[in-house]
Amino acid sequence: MIVVATADFEVYHGVVNELRDRGAQFTTREPDEGLPANARLVIVGPGEDPPDEEGAVAVVRADPTDPRGAVEEALATLRGAEGRTVVGVDPGERPGIAVLSGDLVVAAFQVDANDAADVVLDELSTATDPVVRIGDGARLVGARIVDALADAGVPVELVDETGTTPYEGTGARGMGDVLAAVNIARLPGERIEGRSIEPTAGEIQVIKSRSREESEDNRTITEALARRVARGELSLEEALDEHRGE
């Protein structure tokens, strides 16, 4: 049982809301109250002493600005050594991202490809010994994410994503990329330091076609600009602006 025992109003409400969102079993106590017999961990505020003076339960000191981090630390502590943080990424135009602590999915996202690396890095900002596992599909998007993470010093594994996208039944449409990210996170891959990909003629043509569809004046960017977009050097909007100035 998790016990929240703090006089810090901000810590109390932040931690309690996070625990409720996770469906975790917990109870609360005043700082000067004793702990229940089934207490296994107590969460307190910064500078506060836990009610248990004998050290029989684990203690997590919550930062008022990061209640989620305190809750994740508490849950990982109760799970024991299996609580390593693993992030799975299913790359694409809107990558699915799943954050696992051990076998438990603690967060999930689907974001624009340009934001994916920043989301992952934010999730790993307080993690100890994390690893990111990214699917080997959507080569160009995946390569940009891998390079951004590698530049930040994050361990990255490339995973064969064959068979990781599940069947989406009634009511589950749109969840496939996130569920695939969960499956990718659970598959060991090959450790890589970066991923250099040269776009194919077909990939270049797809980018050129997208430029025509997304421009207001039915404009198609050049192959050279499309290649720079494929490599992540320009966004499609920047390439269109540059093409207008040529």
C-alpha atoms as a PDB file:
ATOM      1  CA  MET A   1       0.000   0.000   0.000  1.00  0.00           C
ATOM      2  CA  ILE A   2       1.223   3.514  -0.865  1.00  0.00           C
ATOM      3  CA  VAL A   3       0.689   6.161   1.805  1.00  0.00           C
ATOM      4  CA  VAL A   4       0.688   9.893   1.053  1.00  0.00           C
ATOM      5  CA  ALA A   5       1.709  11.753   4.230  1.00  0.00           C
ATOM      6  CA  THR A   6       2.516  15.408   3.632  1.00  0.00           C
ATOM      7  CA  ALA A   7       1.546  18.849   4.877  1.00  0.00           C
ATOM      8  CA  ASP A   8       2.521  20.329   1.498  1.00  0.00           C
ATOM      9  CA  PHE A   9      -0.772  21.216  -0.236  1.00  0.00           C
ATOM     10  CA  GLU A  10       0.769  21.223  -3.730  1.00  0.00           C
ATOM     11  CA  VAL A  11       2.506  17.868  -3.240  1.00  0.00           C
ATOM     12  CA  TYR A  12      -0.636  16.305  -1.754  1.00  0.00           C
ATOM     13  CA  HIS A  13      -2.980  17.223  -4.569  1.00  0.00           C
ATOM     14  CA  GLY A  14      -0.491  16.566  -7.350  1.00  0.00           C
ATOM     15  CA  VAL A  15       0.476  13.121  -6.058  1.00  0.00           C
ATOM     16  CA  VAL A  16      -3.076  12.065  -5.166  1.00  0.00           C
ATOM     17  CA  ASN A  17      -4.356  13.043  -8.622  1.00  0.00           C
ATOM     18  CA  GLU A  18      -1.536  11.124 -10.304  1.00  0.00           C
ATOM     19  CA  LEU A  19      -2.203   8.035  -8.198  1.00  0.00           C
ATOM     20  CA  ARG A  20      -5.907   8.184  -9.019  1.00  0.00           C
ATOM     21  CA  ASP A  21      -5.144   8.544 -12.726  1.00  0.00           C
ATOM     22  CA  ARG A  22      -2.991   5.400 -12.538  1.00  0.00           C
ATOM     23  CA  GLY A  23      -5.603   3.419 -10.625  1.00  0.00           C
ATOM     24  CA  ALA A  24      -3.030   2.780  -7.875  1.00  0.00           C
ATOM     25  CA  GLN A  25      -4.097   1.674  -4.403  1.00  0.00           C
ATOM     26  CA  PHE A  26      -3.161   4.266  -1.799  1.00  0.00           C
ATOM     27  CA  THR A  27      -4.281   5.960   1.371  1.00  0.00           C
ATOM     28  CA  THR A  28      -3.466   9.264   3.047  1.00  0.00           C
ATOM     29  CA  ARG A  29      -2.280  10.186   6.520  1.00  0.00           C
ATOM     30  CA  GLU A  30      -1.459  13.362   8.385  1.00  0.00           C
ATOM     31  CA  PRO A  31       2.320  13.743   8.842  1.00  0.00           C
ATOM     32  CA  ASP A  32       2.005  13.107  12.583  1.00  0.00           C
ATOM     33  CA  GLU A  33      -0.191  10.001  12.198  1.00  0.00           C
ATOM     34  CA  GLY A  34       1.139   6.463  12.274  1.00  0.00           C
ATOM     35  CA  LEU A  35       1.239   4.331   9.146  1.00  0.00           C
ATOM     36  CA  PRO A  36      -1.206   1.493   8.506  1.00  0.00           C
ATOM     37  CA  ALA A  37       0.069  -2.055   9.027  1.00  0.00           C
ATOM     38  CA  ASN A  38       0.033  -2.796   5.254  1.00  0.00           C
ATOM     39  CA  ALA A  39       2.057   0.278   4.283  1.00  0.00           C
ATOM     40  CA  ARG A  40       4.931  -0.510   1.917  1.00  0.00           C
ATOM     41  CA  LEU A  41       5.916   2.992   0.788  1.00  0.00           C
ATOM     42  CA  VAL A  42       5.263   6.529   1.961  1.00  0.00           C
ATOM     43  CA  ILE A  43       5.362   9.691  -0.153  1.00  0.00           C
ATOM     44  CA  VAL A  44       6.291  12.921   1.643  1.00  0.00           C
ATOM     45  CA  GLY A  45       7.131  16.461   0.596  1.00  0.00           C
ATOM     46  CA  PRO A  46      10.623  17.954   0.332  1.00  0.00           C
ATOM     47  CA  GLY A  47      12.273  18.331   3.717  1.00  0.00           C
ATOM     48  CA  GLU A  48       9.589  16.309   5.504  1.00  0.00           C
ATOM     49  CA  ASP A  49      10.294  13.303   7.705  1.00  0.00           C
ATOM     50  CA  PRO A  50       8.204  10.172   7.121  1.00  0.00           C
ATOM     51  CA  PRO A  51       5.862   9.060   9.934  1.00  0.00           C
ATOM     52  CA  ASP A  52       7.759   5.752  10.083  1.00  0.00           C
ATOM     53  CA  GLU A  53      10.888   6.446  12.098  1.00  0.00           C
ATOM     54  CA  GLU A  54      12.122   2.866  12.052  1.00  0.00           C
ATOM     55  CA  GLY A  55      12.685   2.729   8.300  1.00  0.00           C
ATOM     56  CA  ALA A  56      10.388  -0.237   7.761  1.00  0.00           C
ATOM     57  CA  VAL A  57       8.896   1.207   4.560  1.00  0.00           C
ATOM     58  CA  ALA A  58      10.384   2.857   1.487  1.00  0.00           C
ATOM     59  CA  VAL A  59      10.251   6.650   1.246  1.00  0.00           C
ATOM     60  CA  VAL A  60       9.807   8.873  -1.812  1.00  0.00           C
ATOM     61  CA  ARG A  61      10.217  12.645  -1.459  1.00  0.00           C
ATOM     62  CA  ALA A  62       8.062  14.386  -4.031  1.00  0.00           C
ATOM     63  CA  ASP A  63       9.000  17.545  -5.880  1.00  0.00           C
ATOM     64  CA  PRO A  64       5.923  19.824  -5.903  1.00  0.00           C
ATOM     65  CA  THR A  65       6.583  20.612  -9.575  1.00  0.00           C
ATOM     66  CA  ASP A  66       6.835  16.947 -10.590  1.00  0.00           C
ATOM     67  CA  PRO A  67       4.220  14.791  -8.844  1.00  0.00           C
ATOM     68  CA  ARG A  68       4.203  12.393 -11.778  1.00  0.00           C
ATOM     69  CA  GLY A  69       7.893  11.684 -11.305  1.00  0.00           C
ATOM     70  CA  ALA A  70       7.316  10.887  -7.634  1.00  0.00           C
ATOM     71  CA  VAL A  71       4.492   8.489  -8.456  1.00  0.00           C
ATOM     72  CA  GLU A  72       6.545   6.736 -11.120  1.00  0.00           C
ATOM     73  CA  GLU A  73       9.438   6.392  -8.654  1.00  0.00           C
ATOM     74  CA  ALA A  74       7.048   4.957  -6.068  1.00  0.00           C
ATOM     75  CA  LEU A  75       5.539   2.429  -8.467  1.00  0.00           C
ATOM     76  CA  ALA A  76       8.970   1.410  -9.773  1.00  0.00           C
ATOM     77  CA  THR A  77      10.216   0.962  -6.198  1.00  0.00           C
ATOM     78  CA  LEU A  78       7.300  -1.323  -5.347  1.00  0.00           C
ATOM     79  CA  ARG A  79       7.881  -3.359  -8.495  1.00  0.00           C
ATOM     80  CA  GLY A  80      11.558  -3.769  -7.674  1.00  0.00           C
ATOM     81  CA  ALA A  81      14.394  -4.257 -10.153  1.00  0.00           C
ATOM     82  CA  GLU A  82      12.031  -4.834 -13.091  1.00  0.00           C
ATOM     83  CA  GLY A  83      11.176  -1.131 -13.239  1.00  0.00           C
ATOM     84  CA  ARG A  84      13.598  -0.042 -15.978  1.00  0.00           C
ATOM     85  CA  THR A  85      12.201   2.691 -18.220  1.00  0.00           C
ATOM     86  CA  VAL A  86      11.841   1.583 -21.849  1.00  0.00           C
ATOM     87  CA  VAL A  87      10.354   3.788 -24.559  1.00  0.00           C
ATOM     88  CA  GLY A  88       8.951   2.223 -27.709  1.00  0.00           C
ATOM     89  CA  VAL A  89       8.537   4.312 -30.868  1.00  0.00           C
ATOM     90  CA  ASP A  90       6.541   3.334 -33.934  1.00  0.00           C
ATOM     91  CA  PRO A  91       7.813   5.861 -36.508  1.00  0.00           C
ATOM     92  CA  GLY A  92       5.667   7.512 -39.164  1.00  0.00           C
ATOM     93  CA  GLU A  93       4.119  10.893 -39.914  1.00  0.00           C
ATOM     94  CA  ARG A  94       2.556  10.762 -36.425  1.00  0.00           C
ATOM     95  CA  PRO A  95       4.694   8.339 -34.429  1.00  0.00           C
ATOM     96  CA  GLY A  96       3.207   6.281 -31.633  1.00  0.00           C
ATOM     97  CA  ILE A  97       5.213   6.495 -28.401  1.00  0.00           C
ATOM     98  CA  ALA A  98       4.817   4.236 -25.363  1.00  0.00           C
ATOM     99  CA  VAL A  99       6.691   4.613 -22.067  1.00  0.00           C
ATOM    100  CA  LEU A 100       7.044   1.431 -20.026  1.00  0.00           C
ATOM    101  CA  SER A 101       8.326   0.926 -16.513  1.00  0.00           C
ATOM    102  CA  GLY A 102       8.989  -2.774 -16.393  1.00  0.00           C
ATOM    103  CA  ASP A 103       5.917  -4.344 -18.003  1.00  0.00           C
ATOM    104  CA  LEU A 104       3.628  -1.481 -17.035  1.00  0.00           C
ATOM    105  CA  VAL A 105       2.708   1.172 -19.615  1.00  0.00           C
ATOM    106  CA  VAL A 106       2.944   4.467 -17.729  1.00  0.00           C
ATOM    107  CA  ALA A 107       2.433   6.932 -20.621  1.00  0.00           C
ATOM    108  CA  ALA A 108       1.452   6.931 -24.282  1.00  0.00           C
ATOM    109  CA  PHE A 109       1.487   9.568 -27.009  1.00  0.00           C
ATOM    110  CA  GLN A 110       0.873  10.099 -30.694  1.00  0.00           C
ATOM    111  CA  VAL A 111       2.548  13.270 -31.918  1.00  0.00           C
ATOM    112  CA  ASP A 112       3.815  14.996 -35.015  1.00  0.00           C
ATOM    113  CA  ALA A 113       7.054  13.460 -36.286  1.00  0.00           C
ATOM    114  CA  ASN A 114       8.937  16.725 -35.689  1.00  0.00           C
ATOM    115  CA  ASP A 115       8.018  16.606 -31.986  1.00  0.00           C
ATOM    116  CA  ALA A 116       8.698  12.925 -31.331  1.00  0.00           C
ATOM    117  CA  ALA A 117      12.319  13.178 -30.169  1.00  0.00           C
ATOM    118  CA  ASP A 118      11.505  16.057 -27.790  1.00  0.00           C
ATOM    119  CA  VAL A 119       8.609  14.096 -26.256  1.00  0.00           C
ATOM    120  CA  VAL A 120      10.867  11.077 -25.690  1.00  0.00           C
ATOM    121  CA  LEU A 121      13.634  13.187 -24.166  1.00  0.00           C
ATOM    122  CA  ASP A 122      11.158  14.884 -21.842  1.00  0.00           C
ATOM    123  CA  GLU A 123       9.878  11.500 -20.661  1.00  0.00           C
ATOM    124  CA  LEU A 124      13.435  10.326 -19.976  1.00  0.00           C
ATOM    125  CA  SER A 125      14.573  13.483 -18.186  1.00  0.00           C
ATOM    126  CA  THR A 126      14.505  11.794 -14.743  1.00  0.00           C
ATOM    127  CA  ALA A 127      14.867   8.140 -15.782  1.00  0.00           C
ATOM    128  CA  THR A 128      17.777   5.975 -14.643  1.00  0.00           C
ATOM    129  CA  ASP A 129      19.366   3.644 -17.214  1.00  0.00           C
ATOM    130  CA  PRO A 130      16.625   4.067 -19.866  1.00  0.00           C
ATOM    131  CA  VAL A 131      16.574   2.665 -23.389  1.00  0.00           C
ATOM    132  CA  VAL A 132      14.600   3.679 -26.471  1.00  0.00           C
ATOM    133  CA  ARG A 133      13.487   0.994 -28.933  1.00  0.00           C
ATOM    134  CA  ILE A 134      12.371   2.242 -32.322  1.00  0.00           C
ATOM    135  CA  GLY A 135      10.808   0.290 -35.168  1.00  0.00           C
ATOM    136  CA  ASP A 136      12.742  -0.071 -38.423  1.00  0.00           C
ATOM    137  CA  GLY A 137       9.832   1.077 -40.616  1.00  0.00           C
ATOM    138  CA  ALA A 138       9.251   4.631 -41.950  1.00  0.00           C
ATOM    139  CA  ARG A 139      12.992   4.838 -42.512  1.00  0.00           C
ATOM    140  CA  LEU A 140      13.356   8.582 -43.038  1.00  0.00           C
ATOM    141  CA  VAL A 141      11.295   9.659 -40.034  1.00  0.00           C
ATOM    142  CA  GLY A 142      12.867   6.960 -37.896  1.00  0.00           C
ATOM    143  CA  ALA A 143      16.383   8.030 -38.878  1.00  0.00           C
ATOM    144  CA  ARG A 144      15.710  11.624 -37.814  1.00  0.00           C
ATOM    145  CA  ILE A 145      14.372  10.493 -34.445  1.00  0.00           C
ATOM    146  CA  VAL A 146      17.291   8.108 -33.905  1.00  0.00           C
ATOM    147  CA  ASP A 147      19.866  10.786 -34.730  1.00  0.00           C
ATOM    148  CA  ALA A 148      18.238  13.334 -32.402  1.00  0.00           C
ATOM    149  CA  LEU A 149      18.176  10.846 -29.522  1.00  0.00           C
ATOM    150  CA  ALA A 150      21.709   9.630 -30.168  1.00  0.00           C
ATOM    151  CA  ASP A 151      22.953  13.235 -30.204  1.00  0.00           C
ATOM    152  CA  ALA A 152      21.387  13.635 -26.753  1.00  0.00           C
ATOM    153  CA  GLY A 153      23.255  10.560 -25.492  1.00  0.00           C
ATOM    154  CA  VAL A 154      20.197   8.299 -25.176  1.00  0.00           C
ATOM    155  CA  PRO A 155      20.745   4.545 -25.793  1.00  0.00           C
ATOM    156  CA  VAL A 156      18.745   3.496 -28.878  1.00  0.00           C
ATOM    157  CA  GLU A 157      17.934   0.033 -30.206  1.00  0.00           C
ATOM    158  CA  LEU A 158      16.570  -0.632 -33.700  1.00  0.00           C
ATOM    159  CA  VAL A 159      13.777  -3.220 -33.614  1.00  0.00           C
ATOM    160  CA  ASP A 160      12.341  -5.363 -36.397  1.00  0.00           C
ATOM    161  CA  GLU A 161       8.764  -4.130 -36.248  1.00  0.00           C
ATOM    162  CA  THR A 162       7.292  -6.936 -38.347  1.00  0.00           C
ATOM    163  CA  GLY A 163       4.028  -8.033 -36.742  1.00  0.00           C
ATOM    164  CA  THR A 164       3.980  -5.345 -34.064  1.00  0.00           C
ATOM    165  CA  THR A 165       0.901  -3.499 -35.382  1.00  0.00           C
ATOM    166  CA  PRO A 166      -2.204  -5.186 -33.934  1.00  0.00           C
ATOM    167  CA  TYR A 167      -5.604  -5.636 -35.493  1.00  0.00           C
ATOM    168  CA  GLU A 168      -7.819  -2.698 -34.533  1.00  0.00           C
ATOM    169  CA  GLY A 169     -11.245  -3.946 -33.545  1.00  0.00           C
ATOM    170  CA  THR A 170     -14.444  -1.979 -33.051  1.00  0.00           C
ATOM    171  CA  GLY A 171     -13.818   1.218 -31.108  1.00  0.00           C
ATOM    172  CA  ALA A 172     -10.023   0.927 -31.295  1.00  0.00           C
ATOM    173  CA  ARG A 173      -9.459   2.740 -34.601  1.00  0.00           C
ATOM    174  CA  GLY A 174      -6.528   5.134 -34.406  1.00  0.00           C
ATOM    175  CA  MET A 175      -4.791   3.263 -31.572  1.00  0.00           C
ATOM    176  CA  GLY A 176      -2.666   1.022 -33.797  1.00  0.00           C
ATOM    177  CA  ASP A 177       0.501   3.156 -33.775  1.00  0.00           C
ATOM    178  CA  VAL A 178       0.495   3.497 -29.988  1.00  0.00           C
ATOM    179  CA  LEU A 179      -0.170  -0.216 -29.459  1.00  0.00           C
ATOM    180  CA  ALA A 180       2.600  -1.014 -31.937  1.00  0.00           C
ATOM    181  CA  ALA A 181       4.919   1.205 -29.883  1.00  0.00           C
ATOM    182  CA  VAL A 182       4.087  -0.877 -26.795  1.00  0.00           C
ATOM    183  CA  ASN A 183       4.988  -4.061 -28.666  1.00  0.00           C
ATOM    184  CA  ILE A 184       8.187  -2.501 -30.001  1.00  0.00           C
ATOM    185  CA  ALA A 185       9.208  -1.497 -26.466  1.00  0.00           C
ATOM    186  CA  ARG A 186       8.984  -5.145 -25.404  1.00  0.00           C
ATOM    187  CA  LEU A 187      11.257  -6.453 -28.182  1.00  0.00           C
ATOM    188  CA  PRO A 188      15.038  -6.277 -27.796  1.00  0.00           C
ATOM    189  CA  GLY A 189      16.764  -4.731 -30.794  1.00  0.00           C
ATOM    190  CA  GLU A 190      20.186  -3.887 -32.177  1.00  0.00           C
ATOM    191  CA  ARG A 191      22.030  -1.062 -30.421  1.00  0.00           C
ATOM    192  CA  ILE A 192      22.783   1.784 -32.863  1.00  0.00           C
ATOM    193  CA  GLU A 193      24.528   5.144 -32.540  1.00  0.00           C
ATOM    194  CA  GLY A 194      22.730   6.742 -35.499  1.00  0.00           C
ATOM    195  CA  ARG A 195      20.972   5.875 -38.722  1.00  0.00           C
ATOM    196  CA  SER A 196      22.065   7.384 -42.025  1.00  0.00           C
ATOM    197  CA  ILE A 197      19.441   6.861 -44.725  1.00  0.00           C
ATOM    198  CA  GLU A 198      19.634   7.991 -48.343  1.00  0.00           C
ATOM    199  CA  PRO A 199      16.092   8.629 -49.643  1.00  0.00           C
ATOM    200  CA  THR A 200      14.945   6.530 -52.569  1.00  0.00           C
ATOM    201  CA  ALA A 201      13.457   7.931 -55.776  1.00  0.00           C
ATOM    202  CA  GLY A 202      10.021   6.803 -54.604  1.00  0.00           C
ATOM    203  CA  GLU A 203      10.382   8.582 -51.263  1.00  0.00           C
ATOM    204  CA  ILE A 204      11.503  11.764 -53.026  1.00  0.00           C
ATOM    205  CA  GLN A 205       8.460  11.598 -55.307  1.00  0.00           C
ATOM    206  CA  VAL A 206       6.119  11.205 -52.333  1.00  0.00           C
ATOM    207  CA  ILE A 207       7.523  14.385 -50.760  1.00  0.00           C
ATOM    208  CA  LYS A 208       7.174  16.282 -54.024  1.00  0.00           C
ATOM    209  CA  SER A 209       3.562  15.150 -54.325  1.00  0.00           C
ATOM    210  CA  ARG A 210       2.850  16.254 -50.764  1.00  0.00           C
ATOM    211  CA  SER A 211       4.333  19.670 -51.502  1.00  0.00           C
ATOM    212  CA  ARG A 212       1.895  20.114 -54.388  1.00  0.00           C
ATOM    213  CA  GLU A 213      -1.048  19.009 -52.242  1.00  0.00           C
ATOM    214  CA  GLU A 214      -0.178  21.265 -49.309  1.00  0.00           C
ATOM    215  CA  SER A 215       0.790  24.415 -51.204  1.00  0.00           C
ATOM    216  CA  GLU A 216      -1.867  27.059 -51.872  1.00  0.00           C
ATOM    217  CA  ASP A 217      -0.589  27.636 -55.418  1.00  0.00           C
ATOM    218  CA  ASN A 218      -0.280  23.980 -56.498  1.00  0.00           C
ATOM    219  CA  ARG A 219       3.505  24.254 -56.296  1.00  0.00           C
ATOM    220  CA  THR A 220       5.854  21.251 -56.529  1.00  0.00           C
ATOM    221  CA  ILE A 221       9.278  21.605 -54.927  1.00  0.00           C
ATOM    222  CA  THR A 222      12.432  20.500 -56.718  1.00  0.00           C
ATOM    223  CA  GLU A 223      14.082  17.136 -56.214  1.00  0.00           C
ATOM    224  CA  ALA A 224      16.981  18.824 -54.390  1.00  0.00           C
ATOM    225  CA  LEU A 225      14.607  20.458 -51.897  1.00  0.00           C
ATOM    226  CA  ALA A 226      12.637  17.228 -51.511  1.00  0.00           C
ATOM    227  CA  ARG A 227      15.877  15.415 -50.696  1.00  0.00           C
ATOM    228  CA  ARG A 228      16.653  17.951 -47.968  1.00  0.00           C
ATOM    229  CA  VAL A 229      13.161  17.460 -46.524  1.00  0.00           C
ATOM    230  CA  ALA A 230      13.704  13.697 -46.551  1.00  0.00           C
ATOM    231  CA  ARG A 231      16.960  14.107 -44.648  1.00  0.00           C
ATOM    232  CA  GLY A 232      15.302  16.310 -42.035  1.00  0.00           C
ATOM    233  CA  GLU A 233      17.253  19.416 -43.035  1.00  0.00           C
ATOM    234  CA  LEU A 234      14.055  21.314 -43.924  1.00  0.00           C
ATOM    235  CA  SER A 235      10.394  21.035 -43.077  1.00  0.00           C
ATOM    236  CA  LEU A 236       8.017  20.820 -46.017  1.00  0.00           C
ATOM    237  CA  GLU A 237       6.783  24.332 -45.257  1.00  0.00           C
ATOM    238  CA  GLU A 238      10.357  25.673 -45.243  1.00  0.00           C
ATOM    239  CA  ALA A 239      11.055  23.915 -48.550  1.00  0.00           C
ATOM    240  CA  LEU A 240       7.961  25.521 -50.115  1.00  0.00           C
ATOM    241  CA  ASP A 241       9.040  28.951 -48.864  1.00  0.00           C
ATOM    242  CA  GLU A 242      12.521  28.423 -50.285  1.00  0.00           C
ATOM    243  CA  HIS A 243      11.064  27.272 -53.611  1.00  0.00           C
ATOM    244  CA  ARG A 244       8.951  30.437 -53.842  1.00  0.00           C
ATOM    245  CA  GLY A 245      12.096  32.518 -53.388  1.00  0.00           C
ATOM    246  CA  GLU A 246      14.042  30.780 -56.145  1.00  0.00           C
END
